[in-house]
Amino acid sequence: MNAKYLLSGVLISMSIVASQTLAQTSQKAPAATTAPATTRPGVTLINLHLKQAVAQDVFDELARQADVKFTTNGNIWDQDSLQIPKDVNFTNRPFWSAVWEACGLWNLSIQQNYNIDLARRIMLFSTGQMPGGDMPKLPIYETDGFVIQALSFSRQQSVNYSQPQGATNYCNVQLRVYIDPALRVQSFNSTARTDQAVDDAGNSMKVDVNSRMPFVSGSPPRSLLYDCNVPLKYPDNAGKKIAHLKGSLQLRVADKMDSLTVDKPLAAAETSKTIGNLTVTFHSLKKMAESNYQLSVSFDGNALGSDTVWQLLQNNAQLIDDTGRQFHEVGGSGTWNKYTVNYVRNAGEDPPIGDPAKWVIELPSKAHTMRVPFEFNDLPLP
């Protein structure tokens, strides 16, 4: 894939964070020449040809082809500007490229979604809902179904009073990563690896240890959007731009999935299933109050730490009603392999109806780690 699909002058992110936004002149990403080192599912391609279609119909079809959902901030579909019909022609277009172009046609933007129950829903805003209206342009890089966007630059300095000569001067570039819907992301490393970083004065900005500045992603599991930071060092005589920044992102994705499904979990007997090298045992689901439920489940096989188990439960388990609406997981407790998980009926969008009809956990029976390259030129420095 090359940069011909990158849209000039169209913004789809509304998150502008930290000290300086990288919103200067529009920048085309260099063509991607480095493919990820491991195999992966094919890029999600959109084929859509509509004459004089309104925005809602276009996004409904994009959602259907990619098996995702779009949600909106209020009923924006009723706005007059979104009733203007447009011709849309996408042939074998990567999903995010198609979404960006559709956003540009109706002046829409995309917001990060922090609601774990709506993780595979893409949140659309009308730019008219934002203070100041139109948003600035941000640098983007596109490769193999991924779109990587440079959001902002921030800088911090720390001094060890016992060793003043050991003062550190770190900075970072924040990225937003748009994931191809075909990928089932199991984990995402929110600190990028830096291969090259130099400013326009010739100073190296690469940190000696890539893990020097760990960050935790604010994205929910199963998300299609992740935030990531690129740790750098700020030179003493810094130039005016980061002339060249090159690195890679790391994520772990499933090659093959399998699931344990428990129907009518309030009355179900204990049941187990081995997926890959991990055995999952459903013990029981109990109704604790009118809208509260408590699950008992255990995991055997791997030496799983509590964080990993909670990640599995949050990423891959769902308690749903008979229409597929999800109950909201609100934490729990456990030992090294046996856990209780609390669920409640969410009163927000699409709340479940009645008691749970099914508990499902879907796990990778085979997974691999991917490295996704990125590259930017001429990012402004403060």
Protein backbone atom coordinates (compact mmCIF):
# COMPACT_ATOMS: atom_id res chain seq x y z
CA MET A 1 0.00 0.00 0.00
CA ASN A 2 1.30 3.42 -0.78
CA ALA A 3 0.46 6.94 0.24
CA LYS A 4 -2.02 7.58 -2.59
CA TYR A 5 -4.89 6.78 -0.23
CA LEU A 6 -3.84 9.36 2.37
CA LEU A 7 -6.34 12.16 2.39
CA SER A 8 -5.15 15.73 2.02
CA GLY A 9 -6.75 18.11 4.46
CA VAL A 10 -9.06 15.60 6.19
CA LEU A 11 -8.82 15.07 9.92
CA ILE A 12 -10.44 12.16 11.73
CA SER A 13 -8.99 12.45 15.21
CA MET A 14 -10.29 14.85 17.82
CA SER A 15 -7.72 14.08 20.54
CA ILE A 16 -5.08 16.79 20.80
CA VAL A 17 -3.02 16.17 23.92
CA ALA A 18 0.09 17.16 25.89
CA SER A 19 2.12 20.29 25.38
CA GLN A 20 2.37 20.83 21.63
CA THR A 21 0.07 19.53 18.94
CA LEU A 22 1.76 18.30 15.79
CA ALA A 23 -0.76 20.22 13.72
CA GLN A 24 1.19 22.26 11.28
CA THR A 25 1.14 21.86 7.52
CA SER A 26 -0.33 18.69 6.06
CA GLN A 27 2.29 15.96 5.70
CA LYS A 28 2.20 12.95 3.45
CA ALA A 29 3.73 9.84 4.96
CA PRO A 30 6.51 8.21 2.98
CA ALA A 31 5.51 5.05 1.18
CA ALA A 32 5.79 1.99 3.40
CA THR A 33 8.60 -0.24 2.21
CA THR A 34 8.98 -2.46 5.29
CA ALA A 35 6.37 -5.16 5.79
CA PRO A 36 5.61 -6.62 9.23
CA ALA A 37 7.93 -9.50 9.98
CA THR A 38 5.18 -12.04 10.63
CA THR A 39 2.15 -13.35 8.81
CA ARG A 40 -1.28 -11.87 9.42
CA PRO A 41 -4.83 -11.97 8.03
CA GLY A 42 -5.39 -10.05 4.83
CA VAL A 43 -6.09 -6.33 4.92
CA THR A 44 -9.80 -5.53 5.21
CA LEU A 45 -10.81 -4.19 1.80
CA ILE A 46 -13.94 -2.19 1.12
CA ASN A 47 -15.92 -2.37 -2.13
CA LEU A 48 -18.72 0.16 -2.12
CA HIS A 49 -20.36 1.99 -5.02
CA LEU A 50 -23.32 4.21 -4.16
CA LYS A 51 -24.93 7.06 -6.08
CA GLN A 52 -26.24 10.06 -4.14
CA ALA A 53 -26.15 8.30 -0.76
CA VAL A 54 -26.51 10.04 2.60
CA ALA A 55 -23.88 9.64 5.31
CA GLN A 56 -25.73 7.15 7.52
CA ASP A 57 -26.24 4.70 4.66
CA VAL A 58 -22.55 4.85 3.72
CA PHE A 59 -21.33 4.23 7.26
CA ASP A 60 -23.86 1.43 7.78
CA GLU A 61 -22.39 -0.33 4.76
CA LEU A 62 -18.80 0.28 5.88
CA ALA A 63 -19.71 -1.25 9.25
CA ARG A 64 -21.34 -4.28 7.61
CA GLN A 65 -18.36 -5.05 5.39
CA ALA A 66 -15.81 -4.73 8.22
CA ASP A 67 -17.94 -6.31 10.98
CA VAL A 68 -17.72 -3.24 13.21
CA LYS A 69 -20.23 -0.66 14.44
CA PHE A 70 -20.27 3.12 14.30
CA THR A 71 -21.76 5.06 17.18
CA THR A 72 -22.34 8.81 17.30
CA ASN A 73 -22.22 11.66 19.78
CA GLY A 74 -25.94 12.37 19.77
CA ASN A 75 -28.11 11.84 16.72
CA ILE A 76 -25.80 13.56 14.26
CA TRP A 77 -27.40 11.72 11.33
CA ASP A 78 -30.31 14.18 11.49
CA GLN A 79 -28.07 17.20 10.91
CA ASP A 80 -28.79 19.00 7.65
CA SER A 81 -25.15 18.75 6.55
CA LEU A 82 -25.34 14.94 6.69
CA GLN A 83 -28.45 14.83 4.52
CA ILE A 84 -26.53 16.09 1.50
CA PRO A 85 -26.21 13.09 -0.86
CA LYS A 86 -22.81 12.14 -2.24
CA ASP A 87 -21.43 9.61 -4.70
CA VAL A 88 -19.13 7.03 -3.08
CA ASN A 89 -16.85 4.70 -5.04
CA PHE A 90 -14.44 2.39 -3.20
CA THR A 91 -12.79 -0.53 -4.98
CA ASN A 92 -10.53 -2.76 -2.88
CA ARG A 93 -9.95 0.21 -0.59
CA PRO A 94 -8.34 -0.48 2.83
CA PHE A 95 -10.94 0.00 5.56
CA TRP A 96 -9.43 3.01 7.32
CA SER A 97 -8.70 4.74 4.03
CA ALA A 98 -12.38 4.35 3.07
CA VAL A 99 -13.52 5.59 6.48
CA TRP A 100 -11.28 8.64 6.27
CA GLU A 101 -12.58 9.57 2.85
CA ALA A 102 -16.19 9.15 3.97
CA CYS A 103 -15.47 11.32 7.02
CA GLY A 104 -14.07 13.98 4.70
CA LEU A 105 -17.17 13.97 2.50
CA TRP A 106 -19.41 14.92 5.42
CA ASN A 107 -16.89 16.71 7.69
CA LEU A 108 -16.89 14.03 10.39
CA SER A 109 -14.15 13.07 12.81
CA ILE A 110 -13.33 10.08 15.01
CA GLN A 111 -13.03 10.11 18.78
CA GLN A 112 -11.12 7.64 20.93
CA ASN A 113 -13.52 5.23 22.62
CA TYR A 114 -12.75 4.46 26.29
CA ASN A 115 -15.90 2.40 26.95
CA ILE A 116 -14.86 -1.23 27.29
CA ASP A 117 -18.38 -2.45 26.41
CA LEU A 118 -18.25 -0.59 23.08
CA ALA A 119 -14.68 -1.49 22.16
CA ARG A 120 -15.34 -2.44 18.53
CA ARG A 121 -17.56 0.58 17.97
CA ILE A 122 -16.06 3.57 16.21
CA MET A 123 -17.27 6.89 17.61
CA LEU A 124 -18.14 9.55 15.06
CA PHE A 125 -18.45 13.27 15.76
CA SER A 126 -19.52 16.12 13.57
CA THR A 127 -16.74 18.73 13.55
CA GLY A 128 -19.47 21.27 14.25
CA GLN A 129 -19.70 19.74 17.75
CA MET A 130 -16.12 20.75 18.49
CA PRO A 131 -15.12 24.18 19.88
CA GLY A 132 -13.77 26.20 16.98
CA GLY A 133 -15.25 23.91 14.33
CA ASP A 134 -12.71 22.44 11.93
CA MET A 135 -9.71 20.66 13.46
CA PRO A 136 -6.09 21.07 12.36
CA LYS A 137 -4.32 18.61 10.08
CA LEU A 138 -2.06 15.98 11.62
CA PRO A 139 0.79 13.92 10.11
CA ILE A 140 -0.17 10.35 9.22
CA TYR A 141 1.57 7.19 8.03
CA GLU A 142 -0.23 4.25 6.44
CA THR A 143 0.97 0.67 6.02
CA ASP A 144 -0.76 -2.69 5.44
CA GLY A 145 -4.16 -1.67 6.80
CA PHE A 146 -2.77 0.31 9.74
CA VAL A 147 -2.95 4.10 9.98
CA ILE A 148 -0.58 5.76 12.46
CA GLN A 149 -1.19 9.38 13.37
CA ALA A 150 1.24 11.73 15.17
CA LEU A 151 -0.88 13.58 17.74
CA SER A 152 1.43 15.65 19.92
CA PHE A 153 4.85 16.31 21.41
CA SER A 154 5.62 16.72 25.12
CA ARG A 155 8.76 17.32 27.12
CA GLN A 156 9.76 16.76 30.74
CA GLN A 157 12.95 17.28 32.69
CA SER A 158 13.99 15.65 35.94
CA VAL A 159 16.96 16.34 38.22
CA ASN A 160 18.44 14.06 40.86
CA TYR A 161 19.52 16.47 43.63
CA SER A 162 22.15 14.07 44.90
CA GLN A 163 23.66 13.93 41.40
CA PRO A 164 22.85 17.20 39.57
CA GLN A 165 25.07 16.16 36.70
CA GLY A 166 22.68 13.29 36.16
CA ALA A 167 19.83 15.54 35.03
CA THR A 168 17.62 13.92 32.43
CA ASN A 169 15.73 15.67 29.67
CA TYR A 170 13.18 13.41 28.05
CA CYS A 171 10.44 14.03 25.54
CA ASN A 172 8.00 11.94 23.58
CA VAL A 173 5.79 11.92 20.53
CA GLN A 174 2.31 10.54 21.07
CA LEU A 175 0.83 8.37 18.33
CA ARG A 176 -2.65 7.10 17.69
CA VAL A 177 -2.82 3.73 15.94
CA TYR A 178 -5.83 2.66 13.88
CA ILE A 179 -5.98 -1.15 13.70
CA ASP A 180 -7.26 -3.12 10.73
CA PRO A 181 -10.58 -4.73 11.80
CA ALA A 182 -9.40 -8.16 10.59
CA LEU A 183 -6.91 -8.33 13.46
CA ARG A 184 -7.86 -9.73 16.87
CA VAL A 185 -5.52 -7.77 19.13
CA GLN A 186 -4.71 -9.55 22.38
CA SER A 187 -2.24 -7.01 23.74
CA PHE A 188 -0.65 -3.77 22.58
CA ASN A 189 2.70 -2.35 23.70
CA SER A 190 2.01 1.31 24.39
CA THR A 191 5.72 2.25 24.15
CA ALA A 192 7.09 2.22 20.62
CA ARG A 193 10.53 1.05 19.60
CA THR A 194 12.68 3.84 18.14
CA ASP A 195 15.12 2.92 15.38
CA GLN A 196 16.09 6.41 14.19
CA ALA A 197 15.42 9.87 15.63
CA VAL A 198 17.34 12.98 14.62
CA ASP A 199 16.46 16.69 14.65
CA ASP A 200 17.17 19.15 11.82
CA ALA A 201 20.36 20.29 13.57
CA GLY A 202 21.78 16.79 13.29
CA ASN A 203 21.34 15.85 16.97
CA SER A 204 20.37 12.29 17.84
CA MET A 205 17.14 12.10 19.85
CA LYS A 206 17.12 8.33 20.28
CA VAL A 207 17.06 7.14 23.88
CA ASP A 208 19.65 4.61 24.97
CA VAL A 209 16.99 2.23 26.31
CA ASN A 210 13.69 2.04 24.48
CA SER A 211 11.79 1.10 27.61
CA ARG A 212 13.04 4.14 29.54
CA MET A 213 9.60 5.76 29.49
CA PRO A 214 6.82 3.22 29.95
CA PHE A 215 3.27 4.33 29.22
CA VAL A 216 -0.04 2.57 29.68
CA SER A 217 -2.55 2.71 26.84
CA GLY A 218 -5.94 4.18 27.68
CA SER A 219 -7.69 2.08 25.05
CA PRO A 220 -10.12 -0.66 26.04
CA PRO A 221 -9.37 -4.28 25.10
CA ARG A 222 -10.44 -5.38 21.62
CA SER A 223 -10.22 -1.78 20.52
CA LEU A 224 -9.58 -0.63 16.97
CA LEU A 225 -7.71 2.45 18.25
CA TYR A 226 -4.68 2.48 20.54
CA ASP A 227 -2.53 5.29 21.91
CA CYS A 228 1.23 4.88 21.93
CA ASN A 229 4.25 6.97 22.93
CA VAL A 230 7.65 7.23 21.28
CA PRO A 231 10.23 8.00 24.01
CA LEU A 232 13.00 10.38 22.94
CA LYS A 233 15.68 12.58 24.50
CA TYR A 234 15.69 16.35 24.04
CA PRO A 235 19.07 17.66 22.78
CA ASP A 236 20.82 20.56 24.53
CA ASN A 237 20.90 22.56 21.29
CA ALA A 238 17.76 21.25 19.71
CA GLY A 239 16.70 22.25 16.23
CA LYS A 240 13.24 23.31 15.19
CA LYS A 241 11.98 19.95 13.91
CA ILE A 242 12.38 16.23 14.33
CA ALA A 243 13.83 15.77 10.85
CA HIS A 244 13.37 12.00 10.79
CA LEU A 245 11.62 9.59 13.14
CA LYS A 246 11.48 5.89 12.38
CA GLY A 247 10.44 2.99 14.56
CA SER A 248 7.95 0.19 15.09
CA LEU A 249 4.95 -0.77 17.18
CA GLN A 250 4.48 -4.15 18.79
CA LEU A 251 1.20 -5.96 19.28
CA ARG A 252 0.13 -9.54 19.79
CA VAL A 253 -2.64 -10.86 17.58
CA ALA A 254 -4.54 -14.10 17.36
CA ASP A 255 -4.13 -16.38 14.34
CA LYS A 256 -6.88 -18.76 15.41
CA MET A 257 -9.61 -18.42 18.03
CA ASP A 258 -11.67 -20.96 19.95
CA SER A 259 -14.33 -20.44 22.59
CA LEU A 260 -16.09 -21.89 25.60
CA THR A 261 -19.82 -21.05 25.53
CA VAL A 262 -22.09 -21.61 28.52
CA ASP A 263 -25.81 -21.32 27.76
CA LYS A 264 -28.24 -20.33 30.54
CA PRO A 265 -25.29 -19.74 32.90
CA LEU A 266 -27.44 -19.18 36.00
CA ALA A 267 -28.56 -22.83 35.82
CA ALA A 268 -25.55 -24.37 34.03
CA ALA A 269 -23.41 -27.14 35.49
CA GLU A 270 -19.64 -26.80 35.82
CA THR A 271 -17.91 -27.22 32.46
CA SER A 272 -14.33 -27.00 31.12
CA LYS A 273 -12.56 -26.62 27.81
CA THR A 274 -8.90 -26.59 26.82
CA ILE A 275 -7.94 -23.93 24.28
CA GLY A 276 -4.32 -23.95 23.20
CA ASN A 277 -2.39 -24.73 26.37
CA LEU A 278 -4.93 -23.16 28.74
CA THR A 279 -7.92 -24.90 30.35
CA VAL A 280 -10.88 -22.70 31.28
CA THR A 281 -13.43 -23.96 33.80
CA PHE A 282 -16.79 -22.29 34.31
CA HIS A 283 -17.94 -23.02 37.85
CA SER A 284 -21.10 -20.97 38.31
CA LEU A 285 -22.96 -17.71 37.78
CA LYS A 286 -25.03 -16.40 40.67
CA LYS A 287 -27.56 -13.57 40.80
CA MET A 288 -26.55 -11.32 43.70
CA ALA A 289 -29.20 -8.59 43.23
CA GLU A 290 -31.69 -7.46 40.61
CA SER A 291 -28.96 -6.21 38.27
CA ASN A 292 -25.82 -7.80 39.76
CA TYR A 293 -24.25 -11.16 38.92
CA GLN A 294 -21.14 -12.98 40.11
CA LEU A 295 -19.16 -15.40 37.96
CA SER A 296 -16.79 -18.08 39.29
CA VAL A 297 -14.16 -19.23 36.79
CA SER A 298 -10.70 -20.79 36.86
CA PHE A 299 -7.73 -21.05 34.50
CA ASP A 300 -5.16 -23.85 34.43
CA GLY A 301 -2.21 -24.50 32.17
CA ASN A 302 -0.03 -21.42 31.92
CA ALA A 303 1.65 -19.70 34.86
CA LEU A 304 -0.77 -16.78 34.62
CA GLY A 305 -0.33 -13.72 36.80
CA SER A 306 -3.41 -11.88 38.04
CA ASP A 307 -2.96 -9.04 35.53
CA THR A 308 -2.86 -11.54 32.68
CA VAL A 309 -6.01 -13.30 33.90
CA TRP A 310 -7.89 -10.04 34.23
CA GLN A 311 -6.71 -9.11 30.76
CA LEU A 312 -8.10 -12.38 29.43
CA LEU A 313 -11.42 -11.79 31.17
CA GLN A 314 -11.69 -8.19 30.01
CA ASN A 315 -10.46 -8.83 26.48
CA ASN A 316 -12.16 -12.06 25.67
CA ALA A 317 -15.14 -12.82 27.96
CA GLN A 318 -18.71 -11.60 27.61
CA LEU A 319 -21.88 -12.08 29.62
CA ILE A 320 -24.79 -11.35 27.28
CA ASP A 321 -28.57 -11.43 27.09
CA ASP A 322 -30.54 -13.33 24.45
CA THR A 323 -30.18 -10.42 21.99
CA GLY A 324 -26.39 -10.27 22.36
CA ARG A 325 -26.30 -7.17 24.57
CA GLN A 326 -23.48 -7.19 27.09
CA PHE A 327 -23.48 -6.98 30.87
CA HIS A 328 -20.73 -4.74 32.23
CA GLU A 329 -17.75 -6.31 34.03
CA VAL A 330 -16.92 -4.29 37.20
CA GLY A 331 -13.98 -6.17 38.67
CA GLY A 332 -13.70 -8.98 41.16
CA SER A 333 -11.14 -10.97 43.13
CA GLY A 334 -9.18 -14.19 42.95
CA THR A 335 -6.19 -16.38 43.70
CA TRP A 336 -3.52 -17.50 41.28
CA ASN A 337 -5.97 -19.45 39.11
CA LYS A 338 -9.57 -19.12 40.41
CA TYR A 339 -11.52 -15.87 40.15
CA THR A 340 -14.86 -14.28 40.86
CA VAL A 341 -15.99 -11.64 38.40
CA ASN A 342 -18.80 -9.16 39.03
CA TYR A 343 -21.15 -8.05 36.28
CA VAL A 344 -23.89 -5.42 36.30
CA ARG A 345 -26.60 -4.38 33.86
CA ASN A 346 -25.25 -1.26 32.19
CA ALA A 347 -27.80 1.55 32.01
CA GLY A 348 -26.02 3.21 29.08
CA GLU A 349 -26.32 2.49 25.38
CA ASP A 350 -28.12 -0.77 24.49
CA PRO A 351 -28.54 -2.12 28.06
CA PRO A 352 -29.17 -5.87 28.35
CA ILE A 353 -32.70 -7.10 29.04
CA GLY A 354 -33.58 -9.77 31.58
CA ASP A 355 -31.13 -12.29 33.02
CA PRO A 356 -27.96 -13.40 31.18
CA ALA A 357 -28.56 -15.93 28.44
CA LYS A 358 -24.95 -16.85 27.73
CA TRP A 359 -21.39 -16.51 29.02
CA VAL A 360 -18.71 -16.78 26.34
CA ILE A 361 -14.93 -16.60 26.52
CA GLU A 362 -12.99 -16.61 23.27
CA LEU A 363 -9.26 -17.28 23.44
CA PRO A 364 -6.45 -17.61 20.93
CA SER A 365 -5.45 -21.19 20.26
CA LYS A 366 -2.55 -19.73 18.28
CA ALA A 367 -1.10 -16.21 18.36
CA HIS A 368 1.96 -14.31 17.23
CA THR A 369 3.67 -10.97 17.79
CA MET A 370 3.61 -8.35 15.04
CA ARG A 371 5.89 -5.38 14.52
CA VAL A 372 4.37 -2.55 12.52
CA PRO A 373 6.74 0.09 11.09
CA PHE A 374 6.16 3.83 11.14
CA GLU A 375 8.09 6.79 9.78
CA PHE A 376 7.63 10.57 10.01
CA ASN A 377 9.57 13.57 8.72
CA ASP A 378 9.68 17.22 9.85
CA LEU A 379 7.65 17.01 13.07
CA PRO A 380 7.81 20.44 14.78
CA LEU A 381 9.66 20.94 18.07
CA PRO A 382 8.77 23.67 20.62
